[in-house]
Amino acid sequence: MNFSPAYLIKILESNGFYFKRTKGSHKIFYNPTTRKTAIVPVHGNKDIKKGTFFAILKQAGVNKDS
C-alpha cells in the first residue's frame, strides 16, 4: 500500500475534505459536513508511518478501504 502524504490527501479530498491551511510542515484539512479536521504531516518526500497513516484516517472518520 502507498503511505505517501499525497495519497492520504487524495483519500481525504475524495471524502469531502478540503485544504484549509498550512502550519509548518503540516497541512490541515476540514470537512464541513462532518465538522472534522485532519492534519497531514508532509515532510518532503518521506512516507508516513503505517500506524500514523491509519490513525489520521480513523480520526477523520474515513474507511481505510475508500
PDB file of N, CA and C in Angstrom:
ATOM      1  N   MET A   1       0.840  -1.187   0.000  1.00  0.00           N
ATOM      2  CA  MET A   1       0.000   0.000   0.000  1.00  0.00           C
ATOM      3  C   MET A   1       0.880   1.244   0.000  1.00  0.00           C
ATOM      4  N   ASN A   2       0.341   2.288  -0.553  1.00  0.00           N
ATOM      5  CA  ASN A   2       1.053   3.552  -0.669  1.00  0.00           C
ATOM      6  C   ASN A   2       0.799   4.391   0.586  1.00  0.00           C
ATOM      7  N   PHE A   3       1.834   4.782   1.297  1.00  0.00           N
ATOM      8  CA  PHE A   3       1.694   5.568   2.524  1.00  0.00           C
ATOM      9  C   PHE A   3       2.208   6.994   2.352  1.00  0.00           C
ATOM     10  N   SER A   4       2.161   7.505   1.133  1.00  0.00           N
ATOM     11  CA  SER A   4       2.655   8.856   0.895  1.00  0.00           C
ATOM     12  C   SER A   4       1.620   9.886   1.343  1.00  0.00           C
ATOM     13  N   PRO A   5       2.074  11.067   1.732  1.00  0.00           N
ATOM     14  CA  PRO A   5       1.138  12.124   2.119  1.00  0.00           C
ATOM     15  C   PRO A   5       0.196  12.504   0.971  1.00  0.00           C
ATOM     16  N   ALA A   6       0.693  12.471  -0.255  1.00  0.00           N
ATOM     17  CA  ALA A   6      -0.134  12.823  -1.416  1.00  0.00           C
ATOM     18  C   ALA A   6      -1.307  11.855  -1.560  1.00  0.00           C
ATOM     19  N   TYR A   7      -1.067  10.573  -1.314  1.00  0.00           N
ATOM     20  CA  TYR A   7      -2.133   9.572  -1.409  1.00  0.00           C
ATOM     21  C   TYR A   7      -3.166   9.776  -0.296  1.00  0.00           C
ATOM     22  N   LEU A   8      -2.693  10.086   0.894  1.00  0.00           N
ATOM     23  CA  LEU A   8      -3.598  10.350   2.017  1.00  0.00           C
ATOM     24  C   LEU A   8      -4.460  11.574   1.735  1.00  0.00           C
ATOM     25  N   ILE A   9      -3.860  12.610   1.185  1.00  0.00           N
ATOM     26  CA  ILE A   9      -4.603  13.824   0.837  1.00  0.00           C
ATOM     27  C   ILE A   9      -5.660  13.509  -0.226  1.00  0.00           C
ATOM     28  N   LYS A  10      -5.307  12.673  -1.180  1.00  0.00           N
ATOM     29  CA  LYS A  10      -6.248  12.279  -2.236  1.00  0.00           C
ATOM     30  C   LYS A  10      -7.456  11.552  -1.633  1.00  0.00           C
ATOM     31  N   ILE A  11      -7.206  10.662  -0.669  1.00  0.00           N
ATOM     32  CA  ILE A  11      -8.292   9.941   0.003  1.00  0.00           C
ATOM     33  C   ILE A  11      -9.189  10.925   0.765  1.00  0.00           C
ATOM     34  N   LEU A  12      -8.572  11.838   1.492  1.00  0.00           N
ATOM     35  CA  LEU A  12      -9.345  12.807   2.269  1.00  0.00           C
ATOM     36  C   LEU A  12     -10.201  13.691   1.365  1.00  0.00           C
ATOM     37  N   GLU A  13      -9.616  14.182   0.268  1.00  0.00           N
ATOM     38  CA  GLU A  13     -10.358  15.056  -0.634  1.00  0.00           C
ATOM     39  C   GLU A  13     -11.518  14.314  -1.305  1.00  0.00           C
ATOM     40  N   SER A  14     -11.343  13.036  -1.581  1.00  0.00           N
ATOM     41  CA  SER A  14     -12.429  12.271  -2.198  1.00  0.00           C
ATOM     42  C   SER A  14     -13.553  11.981  -1.198  1.00  0.00           C
ATOM     43  N   ASN A  15     -13.282  12.218   0.091  1.00  0.00           N
ATOM     44  CA  ASN A  15     -14.301  12.013   1.128  1.00  0.00           C
ATOM     45  C   ASN A  15     -14.821  13.339   1.688  1.00  0.00           C
ATOM     46  N   GLY A  16     -14.705  14.406   0.920  1.00  0.00           N
ATOM     47  CA  GLY A  16     -15.314  15.677   1.293  1.00  0.00           C
ATOM     48  C   GLY A  16     -14.437  16.645   2.059  1.00  0.00           C
ATOM     49  N   PHE A  17     -13.183  16.327   2.289  1.00  0.00           N
ATOM     50  CA  PHE A  17     -12.284  17.239   2.985  1.00  0.00           C
ATOM     51  C   PHE A  17     -11.704  18.233   1.982  1.00  0.00           C
ATOM     52  N   TYR A  18     -11.452  19.446   2.449  1.00  0.00           N
ATOM     53  CA  TYR A  18     -10.776  20.426   1.604  1.00  0.00           C
ATOM     54  C   TYR A  18      -9.640  21.060   2.394  1.00  0.00           C
ATOM     55  N   PHE A  19      -8.642  21.553   1.658  1.00  0.00           N
ATOM     56  CA  PHE A  19      -7.470  22.159   2.267  1.00  0.00           C
ATOM     57  C   PHE A  19      -7.869  23.465   2.935  1.00  0.00           C
ATOM     58  N   LYS A  20      -7.497  23.595   4.201  1.00  0.00           N
ATOM     59  CA  LYS A  20      -7.844  24.789   4.956  1.00  0.00           C
ATOM     60  C   LYS A  20      -6.637  25.713   5.117  1.00  0.00           C
ATOM     61  N   ARG A  21      -5.518  25.147   5.608  1.00  0.00           N
ATOM     62  CA  ARG A  21      -4.326  25.967   5.817  1.00  0.00           C
ATOM     63  C   ARG A  21      -3.114  25.080   6.049  1.00  0.00           C
ATOM     64  N   THR A  22      -1.960  25.717   6.161  1.00  0.00           N
ATOM     65  CA  THR A  22      -0.713  25.022   6.451  1.00  0.00           C
ATOM     66  C   THR A  22      -0.109  25.618   7.713  1.00  0.00           C
ATOM     67  N   LYS A  23       0.455  24.753   8.539  1.00  0.00           N
ATOM     68  CA  LYS A  23       1.207  25.220   9.697  1.00  0.00           C
ATOM     69  C   LYS A  23       2.516  24.445   9.710  1.00  0.00           C
ATOM     70  N   GLY A  24       3.564  25.106   9.295  1.00  0.00           N
ATOM     71  CA  GLY A  24       4.855  24.433   9.204  1.00  0.00           C
ATOM     72  C   GLY A  24       4.825  23.374   8.120  1.00  0.00           C
ATOM     73  N   SER A  25       5.147  22.137   8.486  1.00  0.00           N
ATOM     74  CA  SER A  25       5.157  21.048   7.511  1.00  0.00           C
ATOM     75  C   SER A  25       3.901  20.189   7.606  1.00  0.00           C
ATOM     76  N   HIS A  26       2.840  20.738   8.190  1.00  0.00           N
ATOM     77  CA  HIS A  26       1.586  20.001   8.331  1.00  0.00           C
ATOM     78  C   HIS A  26       0.471  20.730   7.573  1.00  0.00           C
ATOM     79  N   LYS A  27      -0.267  19.968   6.774  1.00  0.00           N
ATOM     80  CA  LYS A  27      -1.403  20.521   6.044  1.00  0.00           C
ATOM     81  C   LYS A  27      -2.681  20.151   6.788  1.00  0.00           C
ATOM     82  N   ILE A  28      -3.554  21.108   6.944  1.00  0.00           N
ATOM     83  CA  ILE A  28      -4.768  20.909   7.717  1.00  0.00           C
ATOM     84  C   ILE A  28      -5.961  20.906   6.769  1.00  0.00           C
ATOM     85  N   PHE A  29      -6.748  19.822   6.853  1.00  0.00           N
ATOM     86  CA  PHE A  29      -7.920  19.647   6.008  1.00  0.00           C
ATOM     87  C   PHE A  29      -9.161  19.627   6.883  1.00  0.00           C
ATOM     88  N   TYR A  30     -10.272  20.113   6.306  1.00  0.00           N
ATOM     89  CA  TYR A  30     -11.522  20.231   7.061  1.00  0.00           C
ATOM     90  C   TYR A  30     -12.677  19.701   6.228  1.00  0.00           C
ATOM     91  N   ASN A  31     -13.610  19.009   6.894  1.00  0.00           N
ATOM     92  CA  ASN A  31     -14.823  18.529   6.248  1.00  0.00           C
ATOM     93  C   ASN A  31     -16.002  19.261   6.885  1.00  0.00           C
ATOM     94  N   PRO A  32     -16.670  20.158   6.133  1.00  0.00           N
ATOM     95  CA  PRO A  32     -17.771  20.932   6.713  1.00  0.00           C
ATOM     96  C   PRO A  32     -19.002  20.087   7.039  1.00  0.00           C
ATOM     97  N   THR A  33     -19.185  18.963   6.368  1.00  0.00           N
ATOM     98  CA  THR A  33     -20.344  18.109   6.622  1.00  0.00           C
ATOM     99  C   THR A  33     -20.228  17.425   7.977  1.00  0.00           C
ATOM    100  N   THR A  34     -19.073  16.796   8.223  1.00  0.00           N
ATOM    101  CA  THR A  34     -18.866  16.075   9.480  1.00  0.00           C
ATOM    102  C   THR A  34     -18.237  16.961  10.548  1.00  0.00           C
ATOM    103  N   ARG A  35     -17.770  18.139  10.147  1.00  0.00           N
ATOM    104  CA  ARG A  35     -17.068  19.086  11.028  1.00  0.00           C
ATOM    105  C   ARG A  35     -15.853  18.445  11.688  1.00  0.00           C
ATOM    106  N   LYS A  36     -15.121  17.652  10.914  1.00  0.00           N
ATOM    107  CA  LYS A  36     -13.900  17.022  11.412  1.00  0.00           C
ATOM    108  C   LYS A  36     -12.694  17.637  10.722  1.00  0.00           C
ATOM    109  N   THR A  37     -11.583  17.640  11.431  1.00  0.00           N
ATOM    110  CA  THR A  37     -10.331  18.166  10.920  1.00  0.00           C
ATOM    111  C   THR A  37      -9.308  17.039  10.864  1.00  0.00           C
ATOM    112  N   ALA A  38      -8.509  17.028   9.800  1.00  0.00           N
ATOM    113  CA  ALA A  38      -7.441  16.041   9.649  1.00  0.00           C
ATOM    114  C   ALA A  38      -6.137  16.783   9.390  1.00  0.00           C
ATOM    115  N   ILE A  39      -5.112  16.423  10.135  1.00  0.00           N
ATOM    116  CA  ILE A  39      -3.805  17.053   9.984  1.00  0.00           C
ATOM    117  C   ILE A  39      -2.861  16.043   9.340  1.00  0.00           C
ATOM    118  N   VAL A  40      -2.299  16.430   8.195  1.00  0.00           N
ATOM    119  CA  VAL A  40      -1.426  15.533   7.435  1.00  0.00           C
ATOM    120  C   VAL A  40       0.001  16.070   7.484  1.00  0.00           C
ATOM    121  N   PRO A  41       0.940  15.285   8.036  1.00  0.00           N
ATOM    122  CA  PRO A  41       2.343  15.715   8.035  1.00  0.00           C
ATOM    123  C   PRO A  41       2.956  15.498   6.652  1.00  0.00           C
ATOM    124  N   VAL A  42       3.554  16.552   6.107  1.00  0.00           N
ATOM    125  CA  VAL A  42       4.200  16.455   4.796  1.00  0.00           C
ATOM    126  C   VAL A  42       5.658  16.842   4.989  1.00  0.00           C
ATOM    127  N   HIS A  43       6.507  15.840   5.133  1.00  0.00           N
ATOM    128  CA  HIS A  43       7.928  16.062   5.365  1.00  0.00           C
ATOM    129  C   HIS A  43       8.705  15.665   4.126  1.00  0.00           C
ATOM    130  N   GLY A  44       8.728  16.557   3.162  1.00  0.00           N
ATOM    131  CA  GLY A  44       9.471  16.300   1.928  1.00  0.00           C
ATOM    132  C   GLY A  44       8.869  15.140   1.159  1.00  0.00           C
ATOM    133  N   ASN A  45       9.712  14.188   0.818  1.00  0.00           N
ATOM    134  CA  ASN A  45       9.306  13.049   0.003  1.00  0.00           C
ATOM    135  C   ASN A  45       9.150  11.787   0.849  1.00  0.00           C
ATOM    136  N   LYS A  46       9.132  11.935   2.178  1.00  0.00           N
ATOM    137  CA  LYS A  46       9.089  10.780   3.065  1.00  0.00           C
ATOM    138  C   LYS A  46       7.666  10.271   3.231  1.00  0.00           C
ATOM    139  N   ASP A  47       7.520   8.952   3.305  1.00  0.00           N
ATOM    140  CA  ASP A  47       6.228   8.340   3.562  1.00  0.00           C
ATOM    141  C   ASP A  47       5.836   8.521   5.020  1.00  0.00           C
ATOM    142  N   ILE A  48       4.535   8.453   5.260  1.00  0.00           N
ATOM    143  CA  ILE A  48       4.007   8.498   6.620  1.00  0.00           C
ATOM    144  C   ILE A  48       4.060   7.080   7.178  1.00  0.00           C
ATOM    145  N   LYS A  49       4.374   6.933   8.449  1.00  0.00           N
ATOM    146  CA  LYS A  49       4.391   5.601   9.053  1.00  0.00           C
ATOM    147  C   LYS A  49       2.992   4.995   8.993  1.00  0.00           C
ATOM    148  N   LYS A  50       2.945   3.673   8.894  1.00  0.00           N
ATOM    149  CA  LYS A  50       1.691   2.946   8.708  1.00  0.00           C
ATOM    150  C   LYS A  50       0.671   3.268   9.794  1.00  0.00           C
ATOM    151  N   GLY A  51       1.083   3.234  11.052  1.00  0.00           N
ATOM    152  CA  GLY A  51       0.179   3.499  12.162  1.00  0.00           C
ATOM    153  C   GLY A  51      -0.353   4.919  12.141  1.00  0.00           C
ATOM    154  N   THR A  52       0.497   5.871  11.812  1.00  0.00           N
ATOM    155  CA  THR A  52       0.092   7.267  11.725  1.00  0.00           C
ATOM    156  C   THR A  52      -0.900   7.467  10.584  1.00  0.00           C
ATOM    157  N   PHE A  53      -0.628   6.837   9.456  1.00  0.00           N
ATOM    158  CA  PHE A  53      -1.498   6.915   8.280  1.00  0.00           C
ATOM    159  C   PHE A  53      -2.918   6.472   8.628  1.00  0.00           C
ATOM    160  N   PHE A  54      -3.023   5.294   9.262  1.00  0.00           N
ATOM    161  CA  PHE A  54      -4.339   4.762   9.610  1.00  0.00           C
ATOM    162  C   PHE A  54      -4.991   5.538  10.754  1.00  0.00           C
ATOM    163  N   ALA A  55      -4.192   6.091  11.661  1.00  0.00           N
ATOM    164  CA  ALA A  55      -4.737   6.897  12.756  1.00  0.00           C
ATOM    165  C   ALA A  55      -5.368   8.183  12.224  1.00  0.00           C
ATOM    166  N   ILE A  56      -4.735   8.791  11.224  1.00  0.00           N
ATOM    167  CA  ILE A  56      -5.297  10.007  10.617  1.00  0.00           C
ATOM    168  C   ILE A  56      -6.627   9.681   9.950  1.00  0.00           C
ATOM    169  N   LEU A  57      -6.678   8.560   9.227  1.00  0.00           N
ATOM    170  CA  LEU A  57      -7.929   8.150   8.579  1.00  0.00           C
ATOM    171  C   LEU A  57      -9.023   7.880   9.614  1.00  0.00           C
ATOM    172  N   LYS A  58      -8.651   7.238  10.719  1.00  0.00           N
ATOM    173  CA  LYS A  58      -9.627   6.915  11.765  1.00  0.00           C
ATOM    174  C   LYS A  58     -10.167   8.187  12.413  1.00  0.00           C
ATOM    175  N   GLN A  59      -9.289   9.130  12.729  1.00  0.00           N
ATOM    176  CA  GLN A  59      -9.719  10.380  13.341  1.00  0.00           C
ATOM    177  C   GLN A  59     -10.599  11.192  12.404  1.00  0.00           C
ATOM    178  N   ALA A  60     -10.357  11.042  11.098  1.00  0.00           N
ATOM    179  CA  ALA A  60     -11.148  11.765  10.104  1.00  0.00           C
ATOM    180  C   ALA A  60     -12.481  11.064   9.852  1.00  0.00           C
ATOM    181  N   GLY A  61     -12.622   9.840  10.340  1.00  0.00           N
ATOM    182  CA  GLY A  61     -13.853   9.097  10.137  1.00  0.00           C
ATOM    183  C   GLY A  61     -13.971   8.519   8.744  1.00  0.00           C
ATOM    184  N   VAL A  62     -12.821   8.199   8.142  1.00  0.00           N
ATOM    185  CA  VAL A  62     -12.791   7.672   6.780  1.00  0.00           C
ATOM    186  C   VAL A  62     -12.437   6.197   6.835  1.00  0.00           C
ATOM    187  N   ASN A  63     -13.160   5.404   6.074  1.00  0.00           N
ATOM    188  CA  ASN A  63     -12.890   3.967   5.988  1.00  0.00           C
ATOM    189  C   ASN A  63     -11.583   3.762   5.215  1.00  0.00           C
ATOM    190  N   LYS A  64     -10.706   2.913   5.703  1.00  0.00           N
ATOM    191  CA  LYS A  64      -9.398   2.723   5.059  1.00  0.00           C
ATOM    192  C   LYS A  64      -9.489   2.024   3.719  1.00  0.00           C
ATOM    193  N   ASP A  65     -10.642   1.462   3.379  1.00  0.00           N
ATOM    194  CA  ASP A  65     -10.807   0.799   2.083  1.00  0.00           C
ATOM    195  C   ASP A  65     -11.320   1.762   1.024  1.00  0.00           C
ATOM    196  N   SER A  66     -11.519   3.042   1.381  1.00  0.00           N
ATOM    197  CA  SER A  66     -12.059   4.011   0.421  1.00  0.00           C
ATOM    198  C   SER A  66     -11.048   4.387  -0.630  1.00  0.00           C
TER     199      SER A  66
END
